[in-house]
């Protein structure tokens, strides 16, 4: 039975690396897996997903899937990277793929933004996913990091637009306490 999965974690928790490993495992078993990401994620090559560890794989866009440019029935699994950037309509499409085509859809993304507010895609995945799994990472203090702290000029930023693409130069994972205190490391 196919399921809709939401695997979430803070920045740097190896979500993309996990997505690529799942894709690789399907390929090793002689099955076809499709990786897609929202067009909004333009940080790396347009047709690839890249992990901080250097793993990469070819991908397509969620929007192409929505527009019928990809025949999902050709695949044994759909893997979605950066699922937090998906819309409610796109998450509904993933539900349809799971329920009516019986193809598993595995979504990877952030749960919340730098202010602790849910992203649209994450909100609907939390509501509708058959399986929700946390991919853990740690704060500099060793506690579980759940916060995606936005950084500017060496300080934690707590105001601004929800979406600002960036990598290690713009974000780091912190525990709630150190996000609240604005501490990026030991004093």
C-alpha atoms as a PDB file:
ATOM      1  CA  UNK A   1       0.000   0.000   0.000  1.00  0.00           C
ATOM      2  CA  UNK A   2       1.452   3.362  -1.073  1.00  0.00           C
ATOM      3  CA  UNK A   3       1.825   6.143   1.484  1.00  0.00           C
ATOM      4  CA  UNK A   4       2.492   9.864   1.614  1.00  0.00           C
ATOM      5  CA  UNK A   5       5.588  10.425   3.775  1.00  0.00           C
ATOM      6  CA  UNK A   6       6.805  13.663   5.319  1.00  0.00           C
ATOM      7  CA  UNK A   7      10.381  13.528   6.567  1.00  0.00           C
ATOM      8  CA  UNK A   8      11.296  16.848   8.124  1.00  0.00           C
ATOM      9  CA  UNK A   9      14.288  18.272   9.908  1.00  0.00           C
ATOM     10  CA  UNK A  10      16.117  21.494  10.644  1.00  0.00           C
ATOM     11  CA  UNK A  11      18.718  22.935   8.288  1.00  0.00           C
ATOM     12  CA  UNK A  12      21.722  20.641   7.953  1.00  0.00           C
ATOM     13  CA  UNK A  13      19.940  17.472   9.072  1.00  0.00           C
ATOM     14  CA  UNK A  14      20.776  15.643   5.817  1.00  0.00           C
ATOM     15  CA  UNK A  15      17.280  15.748   4.303  1.00  0.00           C
ATOM     16  CA  UNK A  16      18.551  16.020   0.725  1.00  0.00           C
ATOM     17  CA  UNK A  17      21.238  13.384   1.335  1.00  0.00           C
ATOM     18  CA  UNK A  18      18.498  11.072   2.637  1.00  0.00           C
ATOM     19  CA  UNK A  19      16.345  11.802  -0.414  1.00  0.00           C
ATOM     20  CA  UNK A  20      19.229  10.968  -2.755  1.00  0.00           C
ATOM     21  CA  UNK A  21      19.976   7.748  -0.858  1.00  0.00           C
ATOM     22  CA  UNK A  22      16.333   6.650  -1.160  1.00  0.00           C
ATOM     23  CA  UNK A  23      16.451   7.389  -4.907  1.00  0.00           C
ATOM     24  CA  UNK A  24      19.684   5.378  -5.173  1.00  0.00           C
ATOM     25  CA  UNK A  25      18.172   2.431  -3.275  1.00  0.00           C
ATOM     26  CA  UNK A  26      15.213   2.302  -5.667  1.00  0.00           C
ATOM     27  CA  UNK A  27      17.602   2.379  -8.636  1.00  0.00           C
ATOM     28  CA  UNK A  28      19.760  -0.400  -7.119  1.00  0.00           C
ATOM     29  CA  UNK A  29      16.642  -2.583  -6.920  1.00  0.00           C
ATOM     30  CA  UNK A  30      15.868  -2.022 -10.593  1.00  0.00           C
ATOM     31  CA  UNK A  31      12.990   0.361  -9.882  1.00  0.00           C
ATOM     32  CA  UNK A  32      12.441   3.880 -11.163  1.00  0.00           C
ATOM     33  CA  UNK A  33      12.278   6.785  -8.723  1.00  0.00           C
ATOM     34  CA  UNK A  34      11.639  10.389  -9.701  1.00  0.00           C
ATOM     35  CA  UNK A  35      13.095  13.296  -7.738  1.00  0.00           C
ATOM     36  CA  UNK A  36      11.332  16.651  -7.993  1.00  0.00           C
ATOM     37  CA  UNK A  37      11.760  20.016  -6.293  1.00  0.00           C
ATOM     38  CA  UNK A  38       9.838  23.312  -6.464  1.00  0.00           C
ATOM     39  CA  UNK A  39      11.155  25.801  -9.053  1.00  0.00           C
ATOM     40  CA  UNK A  40      11.549  28.285  -6.219  1.00  0.00           C
ATOM     41  CA  UNK A  41      14.620  26.347  -5.064  1.00  0.00           C
ATOM     42  CA  UNK A  42      17.154  27.775  -7.484  1.00  0.00           C
ATOM     43  CA  UNK A  43      20.251  27.595  -5.240  1.00  0.00           C
ATOM     44  CA  UNK A  44      21.919  24.762  -7.120  1.00  0.00           C
ATOM     45  CA  UNK A  45      21.818  23.491 -10.662  1.00  0.00           C
ATOM     46  CA  UNK A  46      18.321  23.761 -12.084  1.00  0.00           C
ATOM     47  CA  UNK A  47      18.118  20.066 -12.944  1.00  0.00           C
ATOM     48  CA  UNK A  48      19.765  18.609  -9.827  1.00  0.00           C
ATOM     49  CA  UNK A  49      19.488  18.355  -6.071  1.00  0.00           C
ATOM     50  CA  UNK A  50      22.701  18.703  -4.059  1.00  0.00           C
ATOM     51  CA  UNK A  51      23.341  17.808  -0.440  1.00  0.00           C
ATOM     52  CA  UNK A  52      25.791  19.629   1.798  1.00  0.00           C
ATOM     53  CA  UNK A  53      27.776  16.362   1.876  1.00  0.00           C
ATOM     54  CA  UNK A  54      28.266  16.592  -1.904  1.00  0.00           C
ATOM     55  CA  UNK A  55      25.751  13.968  -3.025  1.00  0.00           C
ATOM     56  CA  UNK A  56      23.695  14.952  -6.060  1.00  0.00           C
ATOM     57  CA  UNK A  57      21.065  13.545  -8.374  1.00  0.00           C
ATOM     58  CA  UNK A  58      19.148  14.661 -11.434  1.00  0.00           C
ATOM     59  CA  UNK A  59      15.736  16.110 -10.685  1.00  0.00           C
ATOM     60  CA  UNK A  60      12.714  17.708 -12.284  1.00  0.00           C
ATOM     61  CA  UNK A  61      10.290  20.343 -11.045  1.00  0.00           C
ATOM     62  CA  UNK A  62       7.128  19.856  -9.007  1.00  0.00           C
ATOM     63  CA  UNK A  63       5.488  22.357 -11.365  1.00  0.00           C
ATOM     64  CA  UNK A  64       6.234  20.074 -14.364  1.00  0.00           C
ATOM     65  CA  UNK A  65       4.537  17.228 -12.517  1.00  0.00           C
ATOM     66  CA  UNK A  66       1.511  19.480 -11.853  1.00  0.00           C
ATOM     67  CA  UNK A  67       1.309  20.525 -15.509  1.00  0.00           C
ATOM     68  CA  UNK A  68       1.343  16.909 -16.709  1.00  0.00           C
ATOM     69  CA  UNK A  69       4.802  17.220 -18.316  1.00  0.00           C
ATOM     70  CA  UNK A  70       5.931  14.137 -16.357  1.00  0.00           C
ATOM     71  CA  UNK A  71       4.158  10.791 -16.565  1.00  0.00           C
ATOM     72  CA  UNK A  72       4.306   9.706 -12.929  1.00  0.00           C
ATOM     73  CA  UNK A  73       2.816   6.315 -13.801  1.00  0.00           C
ATOM     74  CA  UNK A  74       6.270   5.455 -15.224  1.00  0.00           C
ATOM     75  CA  UNK A  75       7.754   5.561 -11.703  1.00  0.00           C
ATOM     76  CA  UNK A  76       7.745   3.331  -8.645  1.00  0.00           C
ATOM     77  CA  UNK A  77       8.297   6.224  -6.245  1.00  0.00           C
ATOM     78  CA  UNK A  78       8.178  10.038  -6.264  1.00  0.00           C
ATOM     79  CA  UNK A  79      10.692  11.854  -4.035  1.00  0.00           C
ATOM     80  CA  UNK A  80      10.120  15.545  -3.279  1.00  0.00           C
ATOM     81  CA  UNK A  81      12.973  17.717  -1.989  1.00  0.00           C
ATOM     82  CA  UNK A  82      12.321  21.120  -0.346  1.00  0.00           C
ATOM     83  CA  UNK A  83       8.644  20.176   0.101  1.00  0.00           C
ATOM     84  CA  UNK A  84       8.076  23.100   2.462  1.00  0.00           C
ATOM     85  CA  UNK A  85       7.967  25.330  -0.632  1.00  0.00           C
ATOM     86  CA  UNK A  86       5.068  23.365  -2.153  1.00  0.00           C
ATOM     87  CA  UNK A  87       1.551  24.761  -2.228  1.00  0.00           C
ATOM     88  CA  UNK A  88      -1.575  23.180  -0.787  1.00  0.00           C
ATOM     89  CA  UNK A  89      -2.619  22.293  -4.348  1.00  0.00           C
ATOM     90  CA  UNK A  90       0.679  20.489  -4.958  1.00  0.00           C
ATOM     91  CA  UNK A  91       0.350  18.510  -1.719  1.00  0.00           C
ATOM     92  CA  UNK A  92      -3.188  17.553  -2.799  1.00  0.00           C
ATOM     93  CA  UNK A  93      -1.693  16.237  -6.070  1.00  0.00           C
ATOM     94  CA  UNK A  94       0.761  14.092  -4.072  1.00  0.00           C
ATOM     95  CA  UNK A  95      -2.195  12.687  -2.106  1.00  0.00           C
ATOM     96  CA  UNK A  96      -3.919  11.789  -5.401  1.00  0.00           C
ATOM     97  CA  UNK A  97      -0.771  10.061  -6.695  1.00  0.00           C
ATOM     98  CA  UNK A  98      -0.611   7.968  -3.525  1.00  0.00           C
ATOM     99  CA  UNK A  99      -4.326   7.174  -3.275  1.00  0.00           C
ATOM    100  CA  UNK A 100      -5.249   6.645  -6.920  1.00  0.00           C
ATOM    101  CA  UNK A 101      -2.023   5.609  -8.650  1.00  0.00           C
ATOM    102  CA  UNK A 102      -0.709   3.736  -5.595  1.00  0.00           C
ATOM    103  CA  UNK A 103       2.755   5.276  -5.961  1.00  0.00           C
ATOM    104  CA  UNK A 104       4.532   6.268  -2.739  1.00  0.00           C
ATOM    105  CA  UNK A 105       5.456   9.936  -2.427  1.00  0.00           C
ATOM    106  CA  UNK A 106       8.285  10.744  -0.009  1.00  0.00           C
ATOM    107  CA  UNK A 107       8.565  14.443   0.864  1.00  0.00           C
ATOM    108  CA  UNK A 108      11.584  16.017   2.548  1.00  0.00           C
ATOM    109  CA  UNK A 109      11.581  19.517   3.952  1.00  0.00           C
ATOM    110  CA  UNK A 110      11.650  21.957   6.792  1.00  0.00           C
ATOM    111  CA  UNK A 111       8.757  21.960   9.239  1.00  0.00           C
ATOM    112  CA  UNK A 112       8.939  25.638  10.154  1.00  0.00           C
ATOM    113  CA  UNK A 113      10.678  28.826   9.113  1.00  0.00           C
ATOM    114  CA  UNK A 114      13.172  31.000  10.999  1.00  0.00           C
ATOM    115  CA  UNK A 115      10.353  32.475  13.116  1.00  0.00           C
ATOM    116  CA  UNK A 116       8.930  29.065  14.015  1.00  0.00           C
ATOM    117  CA  UNK A 117       5.944  29.406  11.667  1.00  0.00           C
ATOM    118  CA  UNK A 118       4.834  26.572   9.408  1.00  0.00           C
ATOM    119  CA  UNK A 119       5.481  26.734   5.689  1.00  0.00           C
ATOM    120  CA  UNK A 120       2.406  26.102   3.506  1.00  0.00           C
ATOM    121  CA  UNK A 121       3.699  22.784   2.162  1.00  0.00           C
ATOM    122  CA  UNK A 122       4.719  21.587   5.612  1.00  0.00           C
ATOM    123  CA  UNK A 123       1.359  22.528   7.115  1.00  0.00           C
ATOM    124  CA  UNK A 124      -0.536  20.332   4.654  1.00  0.00           C
ATOM    125  CA  UNK A 125       1.973  17.500   4.851  1.00  0.00           C
ATOM    126  CA  UNK A 126       1.618  17.488   8.651  1.00  0.00           C
ATOM    127  CA  UNK A 127      -2.162  17.355   8.175  1.00  0.00           C
ATOM    128  CA  UNK A 128      -2.334  14.715   5.419  1.00  0.00           C
ATOM    129  CA  UNK A 129       0.800  12.543   5.465  1.00  0.00           C
ATOM    130  CA  UNK A 130       0.374   8.862   6.322  1.00  0.00           C
ATOM    131  CA  UNK A 131       3.812   8.844   7.945  1.00  0.00           C
ATOM    132  CA  UNK A 132       5.648  11.748   9.609  1.00  0.00           C
ATOM    133  CA  UNK A 133       9.295  11.288  10.570  1.00  0.00           C
ATOM    134  CA  UNK A 134      11.799  13.682  12.064  1.00  0.00           C
ATOM    135  CA  UNK A 135      15.373  13.717  10.783  1.00  0.00           C
ATOM    136  CA  UNK A 136      17.356  14.947  13.742  1.00  0.00           C
ATOM    137  CA  UNK A 137      20.354  17.238  13.992  1.00  0.00           C
ATOM    138  CA  UNK A 138      22.016  19.033  16.874  1.00  0.00           C
ATOM    139  CA  UNK A 139      22.607  22.569  18.074  1.00  0.00           C
ATOM    140  CA  UNK A 140      26.146  23.735  18.879  1.00  0.00           C
ATOM    141  CA  UNK A 141      25.357  22.932  22.547  1.00  0.00           C
ATOM    142  CA  UNK A 142      24.574  19.277  21.776  1.00  0.00           C
ATOM    143  CA  UNK A 143      20.796  19.504  22.310  1.00  0.00           C
ATOM    144  CA  UNK A 144      18.375  18.594  19.540  1.00  0.00           C
ATOM    145  CA  UNK A 145      18.130  21.463  17.042  1.00  0.00           C
ATOM    146  CA  UNK A 146      14.603  22.238  15.912  1.00  0.00           C
ATOM    147  CA  UNK A 147      14.994  25.867  14.889  1.00  0.00           C
ATOM    148  CA  UNK A 148      16.201  27.174  11.525  1.00  0.00           C
ATOM    149  CA  UNK A 149      17.903  30.365  12.656  1.00  0.00           C
ATOM    150  CA  UNK A 150      18.387  33.024   9.998  1.00  0.00           C
ATOM    151  CA  UNK A 151      21.698  34.834  10.320  1.00  0.00           C
ATOM    152  CA  UNK A 152      22.736  38.297   9.153  1.00  0.00           C
ATOM    153  CA  UNK A 153      25.897  40.112  10.196  1.00  0.00           C
ATOM    154  CA  UNK A 154      26.695  37.341  12.683  1.00  0.00           C
ATOM    155  CA  UNK A 155      23.384  37.697  14.540  1.00  0.00           C
ATOM    156  CA  UNK A 156      20.119  35.730  14.710  1.00  0.00           C
ATOM    157  CA  UNK A 157      17.431  37.542  12.702  1.00  0.00           C
ATOM    158  CA  UNK A 158      13.811  37.243  13.875  1.00  0.00           C
ATOM    159  CA  UNK A 159      11.996  39.470  11.373  1.00  0.00           C
ATOM    160  CA  UNK A 160      11.634  39.403   7.597  1.00  0.00           C
ATOM    161  CA  UNK A 161      10.041  37.617   4.674  1.00  0.00           C
ATOM    162  CA  UNK A 162       9.298  33.935   5.251  1.00  0.00           C
ATOM    163  CA  UNK A 163      11.283  32.746   2.247  1.00  0.00           C
ATOM    164  CA  UNK A 164      14.875  33.805   1.722  1.00  0.00           C
ATOM    165  CA  UNK A 165      16.969  31.157   0.044  1.00  0.00           C
ATOM    166  CA  UNK A 166      20.335  30.507   1.559  1.00  0.00           C
ATOM    167  CA  UNK A 167      22.756  27.930   2.865  1.00  0.00           C
ATOM    168  CA  UNK A 168      25.231  27.857   5.753  1.00  0.00           C
ATOM    169  CA  UNK A 169      26.019  31.548   5.318  1.00  0.00           C
ATOM    170  CA  UNK A 170      22.396  32.479   6.020  1.00  0.00           C
ATOM    171  CA  UNK A 171      21.024  29.764   8.313  1.00  0.00           C
ATOM    172  CA  UNK A 172      22.023  27.419  11.101  1.00  0.00           C
ATOM    173  CA  UNK A 173      20.174  24.883  13.205  1.00  0.00           C
ATOM    174  CA  UNK A 174      19.721  25.802  16.871  1.00  0.00           C
ATOM    175  CA  UNK A 175      17.842  24.450  19.856  1.00  0.00           C
ATOM    176  CA  UNK A 176      14.861  26.565  20.890  1.00  0.00           C
ATOM    177  CA  UNK A 177      16.741  28.048  23.892  1.00  0.00           C
ATOM    178  CA  UNK A 178      19.694  29.289  21.851  1.00  0.00           C
ATOM    179  CA  UNK A 179      17.432  30.628  19.115  1.00  0.00           C
ATOM    180  CA  UNK A 180      15.477  32.502  21.793  1.00  0.00           C
ATOM    181  CA  UNK A 181      18.707  33.902  23.282  1.00  0.00           C
ATOM    182  CA  UNK A 182      20.160  34.590  19.826  1.00  0.00           C
ATOM    183  CA  UNK A 183      23.304  32.603  20.637  1.00  0.00           C
ATOM    184  CA  UNK A 184      25.154  31.156  17.655  1.00  0.00           C
ATOM    185  CA  UNK A 185      27.870  29.641  19.841  1.00  0.00           C
ATOM    186  CA  UNK A 186      29.372  29.673  23.313  1.00  0.00           C
ATOM    187  CA  UNK A 187      29.734  33.164  24.796  1.00  0.00           C
END
